[in-house]
């Protein structure tokens, strides 16, 4: 049986948006503004649960973006279920074929332990914006999508 899989760097098929934390003056628990995710602490099995909201977000994750924890710990993933603010502990991976985002999600989930090993740092482990696009991803050899 012929293998029709291509291996691509994540940055070749997805956009990566690194989180940036707004001033804490714009956080609230009254559900004003966008849900605000800071890191893995808000992650569920597949979708995060907001604990805080933000009225002046600096970085935005869109519905169906893959959220990846980029610091302490590195590697866990969830799917953003609505437009949200993301802090510096997360990055949003935006796959242009929005109906196929779960493929990227489950692939990244399957390699979480490998991603965690590329984290560096003396105080806590982290990965940089330049490292995420260089992750290799498997994608189907579908000419309409490549």
N, C-alpha and C. Protein backbone atom coordinates (compact mmCIF):
# COMPACT_ATOMS: atom_id res chain seq x y z
N UNK A 1 0.85 -1.18 0.00
CA UNK A 1 0.00 0.00 0.00
C UNK A 1 0.89 1.24 0.00
N UNK A 2 0.59 2.20 -0.86
CA UNK A 2 1.39 3.40 -0.99
C UNK A 2 1.00 4.42 0.08
N UNK A 3 2.00 5.03 0.69
CA UNK A 3 1.80 6.08 1.69
C UNK A 3 1.64 7.41 0.96
N UNK A 4 0.48 8.03 1.05
CA UNK A 4 0.23 9.31 0.39
C UNK A 4 0.31 10.50 1.35
N UNK A 5 1.04 10.37 2.44
CA UNK A 5 1.17 11.46 3.40
C UNK A 5 2.36 12.33 3.03
N UNK A 6 2.19 13.63 3.23
CA UNK A 6 3.28 14.58 3.10
C UNK A 6 3.62 15.07 4.49
N UNK A 7 4.87 15.40 4.70
CA UNK A 7 5.28 15.99 5.97
C UNK A 7 5.62 17.44 5.71
N UNK A 8 5.00 18.33 6.44
CA UNK A 8 5.20 19.76 6.30
C UNK A 8 5.50 20.36 7.67
N UNK A 9 6.21 21.47 7.66
CA UNK A 9 6.37 22.23 8.89
C UNK A 9 5.03 22.90 9.18
N UNK A 10 4.70 22.99 10.44
CA UNK A 10 3.42 23.57 10.83
C UNK A 10 3.25 24.98 10.25
N UNK A 11 4.33 25.75 10.22
CA UNK A 11 4.27 27.11 9.68
C UNK A 11 3.98 27.18 8.20
N UNK A 12 4.13 26.07 7.51
CA UNK A 12 3.83 26.04 6.07
C UNK A 12 2.34 25.85 5.81
N UNK A 13 1.61 25.39 6.81
CA UNK A 13 0.18 25.13 6.61
C UNK A 13 -0.71 25.90 7.59
N UNK A 14 -0.12 26.53 8.60
CA UNK A 14 -0.90 27.23 9.62
C UNK A 14 -0.27 28.58 9.95
N UNK A 15 -1.11 29.47 10.46
CA UNK A 15 -0.63 30.74 11.02
C UNK A 15 -0.47 30.54 12.52
N UNK A 16 0.58 31.12 13.10
CA UNK A 16 0.81 31.02 14.54
C UNK A 16 0.68 32.41 15.15
N UNK A 17 -0.19 32.54 16.15
CA UNK A 17 -0.39 33.80 16.86
C UNK A 17 0.05 33.58 18.30
N UNK A 18 1.13 34.24 18.70
CA UNK A 18 1.60 34.12 20.07
C UNK A 18 0.76 35.01 20.98
N UNK A 19 0.43 34.50 22.16
CA UNK A 19 -0.35 35.28 23.10
C UNK A 19 0.45 36.42 23.70
N UNK A 20 -0.26 37.41 24.21
CA UNK A 20 0.35 38.54 24.90
C UNK A 20 -0.62 38.99 25.97
N UNK A 21 -0.17 39.04 27.20
CA UNK A 21 -1.07 39.37 28.31
C UNK A 21 -1.31 40.87 28.39
N UNK A 22 -2.57 41.26 28.44
CA UNK A 22 -2.90 42.67 28.65
C UNK A 22 -2.67 43.05 30.11
N UNK A 23 -2.76 44.31 30.41
CA UNK A 23 -2.66 44.78 31.79
C UNK A 23 -3.76 44.13 32.62
N UNK A 24 -3.43 43.78 33.85
CA UNK A 24 -4.42 43.15 34.73
C UNK A 24 -5.59 44.10 35.04
N UNK A 25 -5.43 45.39 34.78
CA UNK A 25 -6.53 46.34 34.97
C UNK A 25 -7.72 46.01 34.07
N UNK A 26 -7.48 45.25 33.00
CA UNK A 26 -8.54 44.91 32.04
C UNK A 26 -9.11 43.51 32.24
N UNK A 27 -8.69 42.79 33.31
CA UNK A 27 -9.23 41.47 33.62
C UNK A 27 -10.48 41.65 34.48
N UNK A 28 -11.40 40.69 34.39
CA UNK A 28 -12.55 40.70 35.28
C UNK A 28 -13.13 39.29 35.36
N UNK A 29 -13.99 39.09 36.34
CA UNK A 29 -14.69 37.81 36.48
C UNK A 29 -16.19 37.99 36.25
N UNK A 30 -16.59 39.18 35.84
CA UNK A 30 -18.00 39.50 35.59
C UNK A 30 -18.44 39.18 34.16
N UNK A 31 -17.59 38.53 33.39
CA UNK A 31 -17.89 38.13 32.01
C UNK A 31 -18.01 39.31 31.06
N UNK A 32 -17.28 40.40 31.37
CA UNK A 32 -17.25 41.56 30.47
C UNK A 32 -16.08 41.40 29.51
N UNK A 33 -16.35 41.52 28.22
CA UNK A 33 -15.31 41.38 27.21
C UNK A 33 -15.20 39.95 26.71
N UNK A 34 -14.01 39.62 26.25
CA UNK A 34 -13.76 38.28 25.70
C UNK A 34 -13.27 37.32 26.78
N UNK A 35 -13.58 36.02 26.65
CA UNK A 35 -12.95 35.04 27.53
C UNK A 35 -11.44 35.20 27.42
N UNK A 36 -10.73 35.06 28.53
CA UNK A 36 -9.29 35.26 28.58
C UNK A 36 -8.62 33.99 29.08
N UNK A 37 -7.80 33.41 28.21
CA UNK A 37 -7.06 32.19 28.56
C UNK A 37 -5.59 32.52 28.70
N UNK A 38 -5.01 32.12 29.84
CA UNK A 38 -3.62 32.42 30.11
C UNK A 38 -2.70 31.22 29.91
N UNK A 39 -3.23 30.02 30.03
CA UNK A 39 -2.39 28.84 29.91
C UNK A 39 -3.17 27.57 30.12
N UNK A 40 -2.47 26.51 30.39
CA UNK A 40 -3.06 25.18 30.52
C UNK A 40 -4.07 25.08 31.66
N UNK A 41 -3.97 25.94 32.64
CA UNK A 41 -4.87 25.87 33.81
C UNK A 41 -6.33 25.94 33.42
N UNK A 42 -6.65 26.59 32.30
CA UNK A 42 -8.04 26.69 31.86
C UNK A 42 -8.45 25.56 30.92
N UNK A 43 -7.52 24.68 30.55
CA UNK A 43 -7.80 23.62 29.57
C UNK A 43 -8.69 22.54 30.16
N UNK A 44 -9.59 22.04 29.30
CA UNK A 44 -10.42 20.89 29.60
C UNK A 44 -9.95 19.73 28.74
N UNK A 45 -10.82 18.74 28.55
CA UNK A 45 -10.46 17.61 27.70
C UNK A 45 -10.21 18.06 26.26
N UNK A 46 -11.09 18.91 25.74
CA UNK A 46 -10.93 19.41 24.37
C UNK A 46 -11.01 20.93 24.33
N UNK A 47 -11.90 21.52 25.13
CA UNK A 47 -12.12 22.97 25.10
C UNK A 47 -11.77 23.58 26.46
N UNK A 48 -11.23 24.80 26.45
CA UNK A 48 -10.92 25.47 27.72
C UNK A 48 -12.19 26.05 28.35
N UNK A 49 -12.14 26.30 29.64
CA UNK A 49 -13.22 26.94 30.37
C UNK A 49 -12.70 28.26 30.92
N UNK A 50 -13.34 29.38 30.54
CA UNK A 50 -12.82 30.67 31.02
C UNK A 50 -13.05 30.87 32.51
N UNK A 51 -12.06 31.48 33.13
CA UNK A 51 -12.14 31.87 34.54
C UNK A 51 -12.10 33.39 34.67
N UNK A 52 -11.55 34.04 33.61
CA UNK A 52 -11.44 35.49 33.57
C UNK A 52 -11.86 35.96 32.18
N UNK A 53 -12.20 37.24 32.10
CA UNK A 53 -12.53 37.88 30.83
C UNK A 53 -11.67 39.13 30.71
N UNK A 54 -11.57 39.65 29.49
CA UNK A 54 -10.70 40.81 29.24
C UNK A 54 -11.43 41.81 28.36
N UNK A 55 -11.39 43.08 28.76
CA UNK A 55 -12.06 44.13 27.99
C UNK A 55 -11.14 44.80 26.97
N UNK A 56 -9.83 44.62 27.08
CA UNK A 56 -8.89 45.20 26.11
C UNK A 56 -7.84 44.16 25.73
N UNK A 57 -8.25 43.16 24.93
CA UNK A 57 -7.32 42.10 24.54
C UNK A 57 -6.21 42.61 23.62
N UNK A 58 -5.04 42.02 23.74
CA UNK A 58 -3.92 42.36 22.85
C UNK A 58 -3.76 41.32 21.75
N UNK A 59 -3.99 40.06 22.07
CA UNK A 59 -3.89 38.98 21.08
C UNK A 59 -5.16 38.15 21.13
N UNK A 60 -5.62 37.77 19.94
CA UNK A 60 -6.91 37.11 19.80
C UNK A 60 -6.75 35.71 19.19
N UNK A 61 -7.47 34.76 19.76
CA UNK A 61 -7.64 33.44 19.15
C UNK A 61 -9.06 33.39 18.63
N UNK A 62 -9.22 32.81 17.45
CA UNK A 62 -10.54 32.70 16.83
C UNK A 62 -11.14 31.32 17.10
N UNK A 63 -12.45 31.20 16.87
CA UNK A 63 -13.12 29.91 17.00
C UNK A 63 -12.41 28.88 16.13
N UNK A 64 -12.17 27.72 16.68
CA UNK A 64 -11.51 26.57 16.04
C UNK A 64 -9.99 26.70 15.92
N UNK A 65 -9.40 27.78 16.44
CA UNK A 65 -7.94 27.81 16.53
C UNK A 65 -7.51 26.75 17.53
N UNK A 66 -6.35 26.18 17.31
CA UNK A 66 -5.78 25.24 18.27
C UNK A 66 -4.95 26.05 19.26
N UNK A 67 -5.26 25.93 20.53
CA UNK A 67 -4.48 26.60 21.57
C UNK A 67 -3.41 25.64 22.05
N UNK A 68 -2.17 26.11 22.08
CA UNK A 68 -1.07 25.27 22.56
C UNK A 68 -0.38 25.99 23.70
N UNK A 69 -0.15 25.26 24.77
CA UNK A 69 0.56 25.80 25.92
C UNK A 69 2.04 25.93 25.56
N UNK A 70 2.56 27.15 25.65
CA UNK A 70 3.94 27.39 25.24
C UNK A 70 4.89 27.62 26.42
N UNK A 71 4.36 27.56 27.64
CA UNK A 71 5.23 27.68 28.81
C UNK A 71 4.58 27.04 30.04
N UNK A 72 5.40 26.32 30.74
CA UNK A 72 5.09 25.74 32.04
C UNK A 72 3.66 25.22 32.19
N UNK A 73 3.27 24.15 31.56
CA UNK A 73 4.02 23.20 30.74
C UNK A 73 3.96 23.54 29.25
N UNK A 74 4.86 22.96 28.52
CA UNK A 74 4.91 23.10 27.06
C UNK A 74 4.22 21.89 26.44
N UNK A 75 3.35 22.13 25.46
CA UNK A 75 2.80 21.03 24.67
C UNK A 75 1.32 20.77 24.71
N UNK A 76 0.64 20.86 25.87
CA UNK A 76 -0.80 20.54 25.86
C UNK A 76 -1.58 21.43 24.90
N UNK A 77 -2.64 20.86 24.32
CA UNK A 77 -3.46 21.58 23.35
C UNK A 77 -4.94 21.49 23.70
N UNK A 78 -5.70 22.49 23.26
CA UNK A 78 -7.15 22.55 23.35
C UNK A 78 -7.64 23.28 22.11
N UNK A 79 -8.95 23.29 21.91
CA UNK A 79 -9.55 23.98 20.78
C UNK A 79 -10.32 25.19 21.31
N UNK A 80 -10.07 26.34 20.74
CA UNK A 80 -10.77 27.56 21.12
C UNK A 80 -12.20 27.49 20.58
N UNK A 81 -13.19 27.65 21.46
CA UNK A 81 -14.58 27.50 21.01
C UNK A 81 -15.25 28.82 20.65
N UNK A 82 -14.57 29.94 20.88
CA UNK A 82 -15.11 31.26 20.52
C UNK A 82 -13.97 32.27 20.48
N UNK A 83 -14.20 33.41 19.87
CA UNK A 83 -13.18 34.45 19.84
C UNK A 83 -12.79 34.78 21.28
N UNK A 84 -11.47 34.74 21.56
CA UNK A 84 -10.98 34.86 22.93
C UNK A 84 -9.67 35.63 22.96
N UNK A 85 -9.36 36.18 24.11
CA UNK A 85 -8.06 36.81 24.37
C UNK A 85 -7.10 35.71 24.84
N UNK A 86 -5.86 35.73 24.35
CA UNK A 86 -4.87 34.75 24.83
C UNK A 86 -3.66 35.46 25.43
N UNK A 87 -3.24 34.96 26.57
CA UNK A 87 -2.09 35.49 27.27
C UNK A 87 -0.80 34.83 26.82
N UNK A 88 0.30 35.26 27.43
CA UNK A 88 1.63 34.83 26.98
C UNK A 88 1.94 33.35 27.19
N UNK A 89 1.11 32.63 27.92
CA UNK A 89 1.33 31.20 28.12
C UNK A 89 0.78 30.33 26.99
N UNK A 90 0.13 30.98 26.01
CA UNK A 90 -0.50 30.24 24.92
C UNK A 90 -0.12 30.80 23.56
N UNK A 91 -0.28 29.96 22.56
CA UNK A 91 -0.24 30.39 21.16
C UNK A 91 -1.48 29.81 20.50
N UNK A 92 -1.98 30.51 19.49
CA UNK A 92 -3.11 30.03 18.70
C UNK A 92 -2.57 29.58 17.35
N UNK A 93 -2.93 28.37 16.96
CA UNK A 93 -2.52 27.83 15.67
C UNK A 93 -3.77 27.83 14.80
N UNK A 94 -3.71 28.62 13.73
CA UNK A 94 -4.88 28.83 12.87
C UNK A 94 -4.68 28.10 11.55
N UNK A 95 -5.49 27.06 11.36
CA UNK A 95 -5.43 26.25 10.14
C UNK A 95 -6.40 26.86 9.14
N UNK A 96 -5.97 27.18 7.91
CA UNK A 96 -6.84 27.88 6.97
C UNK A 96 -8.06 27.08 6.51
N UNK A 97 -8.00 25.77 6.60
CA UNK A 97 -9.14 24.95 6.22
C UNK A 97 -9.92 24.66 7.49
N UNK A 98 -10.77 25.62 7.87
CA UNK A 98 -11.41 25.66 9.18
C UNK A 98 -12.17 24.39 9.54
N UNK A 99 -12.70 23.68 8.56
CA UNK A 99 -13.45 22.47 8.86
C UNK A 99 -12.55 21.29 9.19
N UNK A 100 -11.25 21.44 9.02
CA UNK A 100 -10.31 20.35 9.25
C UNK A 100 -9.41 20.61 10.46
N UNK A 101 -9.77 21.56 11.31
CA UNK A 101 -8.92 21.93 12.44
C UNK A 101 -8.69 20.78 13.42
N UNK A 102 -9.66 19.87 13.53
CA UNK A 102 -9.48 18.77 14.49
C UNK A 102 -8.37 17.83 14.08
N UNK A 103 -8.07 17.76 12.79
CA UNK A 103 -6.94 16.94 12.36
C UNK A 103 -5.65 17.47 12.98
N UNK A 104 -5.45 18.78 12.90
CA UNK A 104 -4.26 19.40 13.48
C UNK A 104 -4.27 19.21 15.01
N UNK A 105 -5.43 19.40 15.62
CA UNK A 105 -5.56 19.23 17.07
C UNK A 105 -5.12 17.84 17.50
N UNK A 106 -5.69 16.81 16.88
CA UNK A 106 -5.36 15.45 17.31
C UNK A 106 -3.93 15.06 16.97
N UNK A 107 -3.41 15.60 15.88
CA UNK A 107 -2.00 15.33 15.57
C UNK A 107 -1.11 15.95 16.66
N UNK A 108 -1.35 17.22 17.00
CA UNK A 108 -0.53 17.87 18.03
C UNK A 108 -0.71 17.18 19.38
N UNK A 109 -1.92 16.75 19.68
CA UNK A 109 -2.14 16.03 20.93
C UNK A 109 -1.32 14.74 20.95
N UNK A 110 -1.21 14.08 19.80
CA UNK A 110 -0.45 12.81 19.74
C UNK A 110 1.05 13.01 19.93
N UNK A 111 1.54 14.24 19.71
CA UNK A 111 2.98 14.48 19.87
C UNK A 111 3.28 15.46 21.02
N UNK A 112 2.33 15.64 21.94
CA UNK A 112 2.53 16.56 23.07
C UNK A 112 3.83 16.28 23.82
N UNK A 113 4.13 15.02 24.08
CA UNK A 113 5.34 14.70 24.85
C UNK A 113 6.59 15.09 24.07
N UNK A 114 6.56 14.96 22.75
CA UNK A 114 7.70 15.38 21.93
C UNK A 114 7.84 16.90 21.95
N UNK A 115 6.72 17.60 21.87
CA UNK A 115 6.75 19.06 21.92
C UNK A 115 7.30 19.52 23.27
N UNK A 116 6.91 18.87 24.35
CA UNK A 116 7.36 19.29 25.68
C UNK A 116 8.89 19.18 25.81
N UNK A 117 9.48 18.26 25.08
CA UNK A 117 10.94 18.07 25.16
C UNK A 117 11.74 19.17 24.48
N UNK A 118 11.10 19.97 23.62
CA UNK A 118 11.86 21.04 22.97
C UNK A 118 11.83 22.33 23.79
N UNK A 119 11.06 22.35 24.87
CA UNK A 119 11.03 23.52 25.74
C UNK A 119 12.36 23.71 26.45
N UNK A 120 12.73 24.96 26.63
CA UNK A 120 13.97 25.31 27.32
C UNK A 120 13.69 26.40 28.35
N UNK A 121 14.63 26.59 29.26
CA UNK A 121 14.52 27.66 30.25
C UNK A 121 14.96 27.19 31.61
N UNK A 122 15.52 28.11 32.39
CA UNK A 122 16.01 27.74 33.72
C UNK A 122 14.92 27.87 34.78
N UNK A 123 14.07 28.88 34.69
CA UNK A 123 13.00 29.06 35.67
C UNK A 123 11.81 28.17 35.35
N UNK A 124 11.40 28.15 34.09
CA UNK A 124 10.33 27.27 33.63
C UNK A 124 10.55 26.99 32.16
N UNK A 125 10.03 25.87 31.72
CA UNK A 125 10.18 25.45 30.33
C UNK A 125 9.26 26.26 29.42
N UNK A 126 9.78 26.67 28.25
CA UNK A 126 8.99 27.43 27.29
C UNK A 126 9.49 27.15 25.88
N UNK A 127 8.62 27.39 24.90
CA UNK A 127 9.04 27.35 23.50
C UNK A 127 8.75 28.72 22.89
N UNK A 128 9.53 29.07 21.88
CA UNK A 128 9.42 30.40 21.28
C UNK A 128 8.57 30.37 20.02
N UNK A 129 8.26 31.57 19.53
CA UNK A 129 7.47 31.70 18.31
C UNK A 129 8.19 31.05 17.13
N UNK A 130 9.50 31.09 17.11
CA UNK A 130 10.24 30.51 15.99
C UNK A 130 10.22 28.98 16.01
N UNK A 131 10.00 28.37 17.16
CA UNK A 131 9.99 26.92 17.24
C UNK A 131 8.67 26.30 16.79
N UNK A 132 7.55 26.96 17.04
CA UNK A 132 6.25 26.38 16.71
C UNK A 132 6.07 26.15 15.21
N UNK A 133 6.36 27.14 14.35
CA UNK A 133 6.16 26.90 12.91
C UNK A 133 7.06 25.80 12.35
N UNK A 134 8.13 25.48 13.05
CA UNK A 134 9.05 24.45 12.56
C UNK A 134 8.67 23.04 12.98
N UNK A 135 7.59 22.89 13.76
CA UNK A 135 7.12 21.55 14.09
C UNK A 135 6.64 20.89 12.81
N UNK A 136 6.98 19.64 12.64
CA UNK A 136 6.52 18.93 11.44
C UNK A 136 5.15 18.34 11.69
N UNK A 137 4.33 18.47 10.70
CA UNK A 137 2.97 17.97 10.76
C UNK A 137 2.72 17.06 9.56
N UNK A 138 1.89 16.06 9.75
CA UNK A 138 1.48 15.20 8.64
C UNK A 138 0.22 15.79 8.04
N UNK A 139 0.20 15.89 6.74
CA UNK A 139 -1.05 16.28 6.10
C UNK A 139 -1.27 15.40 4.89
N UNK A 140 -2.51 15.19 4.60
CA UNK A 140 -2.89 14.36 3.46
C UNK A 140 -2.48 15.01 2.17
N UNK A 141 -2.13 14.22 1.21
CA UNK A 141 -1.72 14.71 -0.10
C UNK A 141 -2.98 15.03 -0.91
N UNK A 142 -3.71 16.03 -0.47
CA UNK A 142 -4.91 16.47 -1.17
C UNK A 142 -4.55 17.71 -1.96
N UNK A 143 -4.49 17.58 -3.25
CA UNK A 143 -4.05 18.69 -4.11
C UNK A 143 -4.90 19.93 -3.92
N UNK A 144 -6.15 19.80 -3.57
CA UNK A 144 -7.00 20.98 -3.41
C UNK A 144 -6.61 21.80 -2.17
N UNK A 145 -5.89 21.19 -1.24
CA UNK A 145 -5.53 21.90 -0.03
C UNK A 145 -4.07 22.30 0.03
N UNK A 146 -3.25 21.89 -0.91
CA UNK A 146 -1.81 22.17 -0.84
C UNK A 146 -1.41 23.03 -2.02
